[in-house]
Protein backbone atom coordinates (compact mmCIF):
# COMPACT_ATOMS: atom_id res chain seq x y z
CA MET A 1 5.71 0.82 80.74
CA ILE A 2 7.83 2.37 78.00
CA SER A 3 10.33 3.74 80.53
CA ARG A 4 10.71 0.27 82.04
CA LEU A 5 11.34 -1.25 78.62
CA LEU A 6 13.97 1.40 77.84
CA GLN A 7 15.57 0.93 81.24
CA HIS A 8 15.76 -2.80 80.68
CA ALA A 9 17.11 -2.40 77.13
CA PHE A 10 19.88 -0.04 78.19
CA LYS A 11 20.69 -1.44 81.63
CA HIS A 12 24.15 -2.46 80.44
CA ILE A 13 25.03 0.99 79.09
CA ASP A 14 27.36 3.03 81.30
CA ALA A 15 25.75 6.49 81.35
CA PHE A 16 28.89 8.58 81.90
CA LEU A 17 30.88 6.79 79.21
CA MET A 18 27.96 6.93 76.77
CA VAL A 19 27.52 10.68 77.22
CA CYS A 20 31.23 11.24 76.53
CA LEU A 21 31.07 9.05 73.42
CA PHE A 22 27.92 10.86 72.24
CA PHE A 23 29.59 14.28 72.35
CA THR A 24 32.70 12.88 70.64
CA LEU A 25 30.60 11.47 67.80
CA LEU A 26 28.75 14.77 67.55
CA VAL A 27 32.10 16.54 67.11
CA SER A 28 32.92 13.99 64.41
CA LEU A 29 29.83 14.89 62.37
CA PHE A 30 30.49 18.63 62.60
CA VAL A 31 34.15 18.35 61.60
CA LEU A 32 33.45 15.80 58.87
CA TYR A 33 30.85 18.09 57.28
CA SER A 34 33.51 20.76 56.88
CA ALA A 35 36.34 18.38 55.96
CA SER A 36 34.28 16.72 53.22
CA GLY A 37 33.46 20.01 51.51
CA GLN A 38 29.98 20.07 53.08
CA SER A 39 29.08 16.73 51.53
CA LEU A 40 25.72 15.45 52.72
CA ASP A 41 26.46 12.04 51.19
CA ARG A 42 29.57 11.66 53.33
CA MET A 43 27.60 12.81 56.39
CA TYR A 44 24.88 10.25 55.65
CA ALA A 45 27.47 7.49 55.26
CA GLN A 46 29.12 8.43 58.55
CA GLY A 47 25.73 8.50 60.23
CA ILE A 48 25.15 4.92 59.06
CA ASN A 49 28.61 3.98 60.36
CA ILE A 50 27.76 5.46 63.74
CA LEU A 51 24.41 3.67 63.95
CA VAL A 52 26.02 0.32 63.08
CA ALA A 53 28.83 0.95 65.57
CA LEU A 54 26.45 1.91 68.39
CA THR A 55 24.34 -1.16 67.66
CA ALA A 56 27.50 -3.27 67.97
CA LEU A 57 28.33 -1.47 71.23
CA TRP A 58 24.88 -2.22 72.63
CA GLY A 59 25.07 -5.86 71.56
CA VAL A 60 28.50 -6.47 73.06
CA SER A 61 27.59 -4.64 76.28
CA ASN A 62 24.89 -7.27 76.90
CA ILE A 63 27.38 -10.16 76.74
CA PRO A 64 28.68 -11.02 80.24
CA PRO A 65 32.49 -10.91 80.62
CA HIS A 66 32.70 -14.63 81.40
CA GLN A 67 31.08 -15.36 78.04
CA LEU A 68 33.61 -13.12 76.29
CA GLU A 69 36.37 -15.00 78.09
CA ARG A 70 35.00 -18.32 76.88
CA PHE A 71 35.07 -17.24 73.22
CA ALA A 72 38.42 -15.41 73.30
CA LEU A 73 40.60 -18.27 72.05
CA PRO A 74 38.21 -19.43 69.26
CA ILE A 75 37.95 -15.85 67.98
CA TYR A 76 41.75 -15.54 68.02
CA ALA A 77 42.13 -18.84 66.12
CA LEU A 78 39.55 -17.71 63.55
CA GLY A 79 41.40 -14.43 63.11
CA VAL A 80 44.75 -16.18 62.52
CA VAL A 81 43.15 -18.51 59.96
CA MET A 82 41.66 -15.50 58.18
CA LEU A 83 45.05 -13.74 58.18
CA ILE A 84 46.54 -16.83 56.55
CA GLY A 85 43.72 -16.65 54.01
CA VAL A 86 44.60 -13.01 53.32
CA ALA A 87 48.26 -13.94 52.74
CA LEU A 88 47.25 -16.68 50.29
CA PHE A 89 44.12 -15.38 48.59
CA GLY A 90 43.66 -11.80 49.77
CA HIS A 91 42.51 -8.94 47.59
CA ILE A 92 45.32 -6.56 46.57
CA SER A 93 44.55 -2.84 46.60
CA HIS A 94 47.05 0.04 46.37
CA GLY A 95 49.94 -2.38 46.70
CA ALA A 96 48.66 -3.96 49.95
CA ARG A 97 46.97 -7.32 50.53
CA ARG A 98 44.66 -6.70 53.50
CA TRP A 99 41.17 -7.82 52.48
CA LEU A 100 39.55 -11.22 52.24
CA ASP A 101 36.65 -11.64 49.82
CA ILE A 102 33.94 -13.91 51.25
CA GLY A 103 31.04 -13.89 48.81
CA PRO A 104 29.75 -10.32 48.51
CA MET A 105 31.59 -9.22 51.67
CA HIS A 106 35.07 -7.71 51.94
CA ILE A 107 36.52 -8.50 55.38
CA GLN A 108 39.67 -7.05 56.91
CA PRO A 109 40.77 -9.71 59.45
CA SER A 110 43.37 -7.40 61.02
CA GLU A 111 40.49 -5.37 62.49
CA LEU A 112 39.16 -8.50 64.21
CA MET A 113 42.58 -9.02 65.80
CA ARG A 114 42.44 -5.61 67.46
CA LEU A 115 40.02 -7.14 69.96
CA ALA A 116 40.94 -10.82 69.62
CA VAL A 117 44.58 -10.36 70.69
CA PRO A 118 43.94 -8.52 74.00
CA MET A 119 40.97 -10.79 74.76
CA THR A 120 43.12 -13.91 74.26
CA LEU A 121 46.03 -12.58 76.29
CA ALA A 122 43.66 -11.53 79.08
CA TRP A 123 42.14 -15.03 79.02
CA TYR A 124 45.60 -16.65 79.07
CA PHE A 125 46.85 -14.71 82.09
CA SER A 126 43.53 -15.07 83.91
CA GLN A 127 44.18 -18.83 83.90
CA ARG A 128 47.44 -18.20 85.78
CA GLU A 129 46.35 -16.64 89.03
CA GLY A 130 49.10 -15.30 91.23
CA ARG A 131 52.41 -14.17 89.79
CA PRO A 132 52.91 -15.37 86.20
CA LYS A 133 56.24 -17.05 85.46
CA THR A 134 58.71 -16.13 82.75
CA ARG A 135 57.48 -18.86 80.43
CA ASP A 136 53.94 -17.45 80.70
CA PHE A 137 55.14 -14.13 79.30
CA VAL A 138 57.04 -15.96 76.56
CA VAL A 139 53.86 -17.79 75.51
CA GLY A 140 51.88 -14.56 75.78
CA GLY A 141 54.47 -12.88 73.57
CA LEU A 142 53.97 -15.58 70.94
CA PHE A 143 50.21 -14.99 70.98
CA LEU A 144 51.03 -11.36 70.20
CA VAL A 145 53.87 -11.73 67.72
CA ILE A 146 52.17 -14.20 65.34
CA PRO A 147 49.34 -11.90 64.15
CA VAL A 148 51.51 -8.77 64.31
CA VAL A 149 54.10 -10.23 61.93
CA MET A 150 51.38 -11.42 59.54
CA ILE A 151 49.75 -7.98 59.52
CA MET A 152 53.07 -6.20 58.96
CA LYS A 153 53.62 -8.33 55.88
CA GLN A 154 50.35 -7.11 54.29
CA PRO A 155 51.79 -4.38 54.83
CA ASP A 156 49.76 -2.51 57.48
CA LEU A 157 52.18 -0.91 59.91
CA GLY A 158 49.57 1.24 61.65
CA THR A 159 47.31 -1.67 62.61
CA ALA A 160 50.31 -3.80 63.57
CA LEU A 161 51.51 -1.07 65.95
CA LEU A 162 48.08 -0.72 67.57
CA ILE A 163 47.74 -4.47 68.09
CA SER A 164 51.29 -4.56 69.48
CA ALA A 165 50.32 -1.81 71.93
CA SER A 166 47.13 -3.59 73.03
CA GLY A 167 49.07 -6.81 73.66
CA PHE A 168 51.91 -5.04 75.44
CA TYR A 169 49.45 -3.38 77.84
CA ILE A 170 48.12 -6.81 78.80
CA LEU A 171 51.65 -8.10 79.45
CA PHE A 172 52.48 -5.00 81.49
CA LEU A 173 49.29 -5.12 83.57
CA ALA A 174 49.76 -8.85 84.13
CA GLY A 175 53.00 -8.09 85.97
CA LEU A 176 55.78 -8.01 83.39
CA SER A 177 59.02 -7.35 85.24
CA TRP A 178 60.85 -4.06 84.79
CA LYS A 179 63.93 -6.12 84.00
CA PHE A 180 62.17 -7.48 80.92
CA LEU A 181 61.00 -4.00 79.96
CA ILE A 182 64.47 -2.50 80.21
CA GLY A 183 66.07 -5.52 78.56
CA GLY A 184 63.50 -5.50 75.79
CA THR A 185 64.05 -1.79 75.17
CA VAL A 186 67.80 -2.30 74.91
CA PHE A 187 67.28 -5.28 72.58
CA LEU A 188 64.92 -3.34 70.31
CA GLY A 189 67.41 -0.49 70.19
CA ALA A 190 70.18 -2.85 69.19
CA MET A 191 67.96 -4.45 66.53
CA MET A 192 66.96 -1.16 64.90
CA PRO A 193 69.41 -1.59 61.99
CA VAL A 194 67.87 -5.01 61.27
CA PHE A 195 64.31 -3.66 61.50
CA TRP A 196 65.28 -0.83 59.17
CA THR A 197 66.22 -3.31 56.44
CA LEU A 198 62.84 -5.06 56.83
CA LEU A 199 60.82 -1.90 56.24
CA HIS A 200 59.33 -1.10 52.86
CA ASP A 201 60.82 1.84 50.97
CA TYR A 202 57.81 4.07 51.62
CA GLN A 203 57.97 3.28 55.35
CA ARG A 204 61.64 4.25 55.51
CA ARG A 205 60.83 7.43 53.61
CA ARG A 206 58.17 8.35 56.15
CA ILE A 207 60.67 8.06 59.01
CA GLU A 208 63.25 10.14 57.13
CA ILE A 209 60.63 12.80 56.39
CA LEU A 210 59.80 13.00 60.11
CA PHE A 211 63.11 14.74 60.77
CA ASP A 212 62.88 17.12 57.81
CA PRO A 213 59.61 17.27 55.82
CA THR A 214 61.01 20.08 53.64
CA GLN A 215 63.41 17.70 51.90
CA ASP A 216 60.45 16.53 49.78
CA PRO A 217 57.77 19.24 50.16
CA LEU A 218 55.68 18.11 47.18
CA GLY A 219 56.07 14.37 47.78
CA ALA A 220 56.50 12.41 51.00
CA GLY A 221 56.63 15.54 53.16
CA TYR A 222 53.53 17.18 51.69
CA HIS A 223 51.03 15.68 54.17
CA THR A 224 53.06 16.71 57.22
CA ILE A 225 53.81 20.23 55.97
CA GLN A 226 50.19 21.00 55.09
CA ALA A 227 48.94 19.56 58.38
CA MET A 228 51.37 21.69 60.40
CA ILE A 229 50.35 24.80 58.44
CA ALA A 230 46.68 24.05 59.20
CA ILE A 231 47.34 23.50 62.91
CA GLY A 232 49.47 26.63 63.22
CA SER A 233 47.04 28.84 61.31
CA GLY A 234 44.25 27.94 63.72
CA GLY A 235 45.82 30.08 66.41
CA LEU A 236 44.10 30.41 69.77
CA ALA A 237 40.42 30.26 68.82
CA GLY A 238 40.54 28.96 65.24
CA LYS A 239 39.22 30.38 61.97
CA GLY A 240 35.70 29.18 62.62
CA TRP A 241 33.64 26.26 61.42
CA LEU A 242 33.71 25.89 57.60
CA ASN A 243 36.31 28.66 57.35
CA GLY A 244 39.56 26.69 57.34
CA THR A 245 41.51 27.74 54.25
CA GLN A 246 43.81 24.70 54.15
CA THR A 247 40.72 22.50 54.18
CA GLN A 248 38.32 24.41 51.97
CA LEU A 249 40.98 25.23 49.34
CA ASP A 250 41.99 21.56 49.07
CA PHE A 251 45.56 21.89 50.32
CA LEU A 252 45.13 19.35 53.13
CA PRO A 253 45.20 15.70 51.99
CA GLU A 254 43.28 12.82 53.64
CA ARG A 255 41.33 15.46 55.53
CA THR A 256 38.31 13.26 56.32
CA THR A 257 40.35 10.33 57.64
CA ASP A 258 43.92 10.34 58.98
CA PHE A 259 44.38 14.14 58.97
CA ILE A 260 41.00 15.26 60.27
CA PHE A 261 42.68 16.52 63.45
CA ALA A 262 44.38 19.21 61.33
CA VAL A 263 40.93 20.30 60.08
CA PHE A 264 39.64 20.50 63.64
CA SER A 265 42.73 22.43 64.80
CA GLU A 266 42.48 24.99 62.00
CA GLU A 267 38.80 25.70 62.56
CA PHE A 268 38.63 25.54 66.38
CA GLY A 269 42.19 26.43 67.34
CA PHE A 270 44.10 25.73 70.53
CA LEU A 271 41.02 26.12 72.74
CA GLY A 272 39.10 23.59 70.66
CA ASN A 273 42.00 21.15 70.94
CA ILE A 274 41.98 21.56 74.72
CA LEU A 275 38.27 20.74 74.84
CA LEU A 276 38.78 17.67 72.63
CA LEU A 277 41.63 16.51 74.85
CA VAL A 278 39.43 16.98 77.93
CA LEU A 279 36.75 14.85 76.28
CA PHE A 280 39.28 12.12 75.45
CA SER A 281 40.70 12.35 78.99
CA LEU A 282 37.25 11.80 80.50
CA ILE A 283 36.78 8.69 78.36
CA ILE A 284 40.21 7.35 79.33
CA SER A 285 39.76 8.10 83.04
CA ARG A 286 36.38 6.34 83.07
CA GLY A 287 37.87 3.33 81.32
CA LEU A 288 40.72 3.12 83.84
CA MET A 289 38.24 3.41 86.69
CA ILE A 290 36.24 0.50 85.26
CA ALA A 291 39.46 -1.51 84.96
CA SER A 292 40.45 -0.79 88.57
CA GLN A 293 37.03 -1.91 89.86
CA ALA A 294 36.77 -5.06 87.73
CA GLN A 295 35.99 -8.25 89.64
CA SER A 296 38.14 -10.71 87.71
CA THR A 297 41.66 -10.83 86.30
CA PHE A 298 40.31 -11.23 82.78
CA SER A 299 38.06 -8.17 83.10
CA ARG A 300 40.76 -6.05 84.71
CA LEU A 301 43.39 -6.82 82.07
CA LEU A 302 41.00 -6.46 79.14
CA ALA A 303 39.48 -3.19 80.36
CA GLY A 304 42.93 -1.73 80.99
CA SER A 305 44.18 -2.75 77.55
CA ILE A 306 41.12 -1.36 75.71
CA THR A 307 41.40 1.97 77.51
CA LEU A 308 45.15 2.37 77.02
CA THR A 309 44.87 1.32 73.37
CA PHE A 310 42.30 4.08 72.87
CA PHE A 311 44.86 6.48 74.34
CA THR A 312 47.45 5.10 71.89
CA TYR A 313 45.06 5.65 68.96
CA ALA A 314 44.61 9.31 69.87
CA PHE A 315 48.27 9.94 70.74
CA VAL A 316 49.64 8.37 67.55
CA ASN A 317 47.17 10.19 65.28
CA MET A 318 47.71 13.58 66.89
CA GLY A 319 51.44 12.97 66.96
CA MET A 320 51.72 12.13 63.26
CA VAL A 321 49.48 15.05 62.24
CA SER A 322 51.54 17.41 64.41
CA GLY A 323 54.81 16.17 62.92
CA ILE A 324 56.29 14.52 66.01
CA LEU A 325 55.64 10.95 64.83
CA PRO A 326 55.91 9.28 61.39
CA VAL A 327 52.76 9.01 59.27
CA VAL A 328 51.48 5.46 59.88
CA GLY A 329 47.85 5.63 58.80
CA VAL A 330 46.08 5.61 62.19
CA PRO A 331 42.68 7.40 62.30
CA LEU A 332 41.63 9.74 65.10
CA PRO A 333 39.30 7.59 67.23
CA PHE A 334 35.59 8.37 66.85
CA ILE A 335 36.39 11.48 64.79
CA SER A 336 37.84 10.22 61.48
CA TYR A 337 35.54 8.98 58.74
CA GLY A 338 35.33 5.20 58.45
CA GLY A 339 33.13 2.29 59.39
CA THR A 340 35.51 -0.52 60.29
CA SER A 341 37.54 1.35 62.90
CA MET A 342 34.38 2.93 64.31
CA VAL A 343 32.74 -0.47 64.83
CA THR A 344 35.89 -1.95 66.37
CA LEU A 345 36.25 0.95 68.79
CA CYS A 346 32.59 0.82 69.81
CA MET A 347 32.80 -2.93 70.38
CA GLY A 348 35.75 -2.28 72.67
CA PHE A 349 33.77 0.24 74.67
CA GLY A 350 30.84 -2.15 74.70
CA ILE A 351 33.15 -4.61 76.45
CA LEU A 352 34.04 -1.89 78.99
CA MET A 353 30.35 -1.27 79.67
CA SER A 354 29.71 -5.00 80.01
CA ILE A 355 32.51 -5.28 82.58
CA GLN A 356 31.10 -2.35 84.56
CA THR A 357 27.38 -3.15 84.50
CA HIS A 358 27.64 -6.92 84.95
CA LYS A 359 29.85 -6.28 87.94
CA LYS A 360 26.97 -4.37 89.51
CA LEU A 361 24.59 -7.26 88.80
CA MET A 362 27.00 -9.74 90.37
CA ALA A 363 27.39 -7.57 93.43
CA THR A 364 23.63 -7.44 94.00
């Protein structure tokens, strides 16, 4: 009786994907314990974050894809309205206006748009079966640009880049012509001087530091230099769990959030990084398989975007910690400490599981 109840409760959970996520979250707890200076309070908080995120994953996985498609546009409209509210009445913290106070709650609408934008674009192109026309991609581009510009003005470059990536993947998978891709690349290259003038001073400084962190070793380049020292000192097999000197001696900044990959690299070395990359690769490959087997245009586009955006998360974080990309404030997915990004990611994978398991139900 109990086994039947459990089977019914978890019938929309994809077993392979869930096992991969479980081991990734387990790695997160081990690394966070070391990165936080063996803080049980931080571990407890992350455990609560994980429970909330997994509950959200389970809830979303039980929503059929056609229901998600129906609510895509209203969720997008709500997100845009909330972004307008942030611009007008948002809470300012550390020089950025990103939060909206609604009673006792502090809401970051940009996190909602991480799912709302790809869902809306997938809905839009699913309504245009066959080969979309040029004007369809123009309208789709507007759906993408509006929230991205509003989020960049907060300013929140990291989230804006991730949402841009999620929207671009939808456009690409929907059949965006290579002519547009090449033309767009040339246009962006030509507009770089204009974009440079629109960046905040600290954002320009981060790009300059990318090419030579030693020009400001105690200021803007400090994060990158310390992270590269930690990664390099890990060697082949690492210094061992709880034995990372850059971490334990407090040299490494933001070590529980954006730079937790440096902690992992120092303690588990090159071999540990390979195992983490294998784990991420299994998650990505399963997501792409779900996308390829999806039974509707909406499901295919959304599953592909969620999976490739997860890849972008990991690539950007590892790239900025390794010194090959500017520091943009993107956490390492499922590893970094934090509740909001964890819940958003798990909701995305809940959508993947819904697409996979409801497809099986439809087939039978």
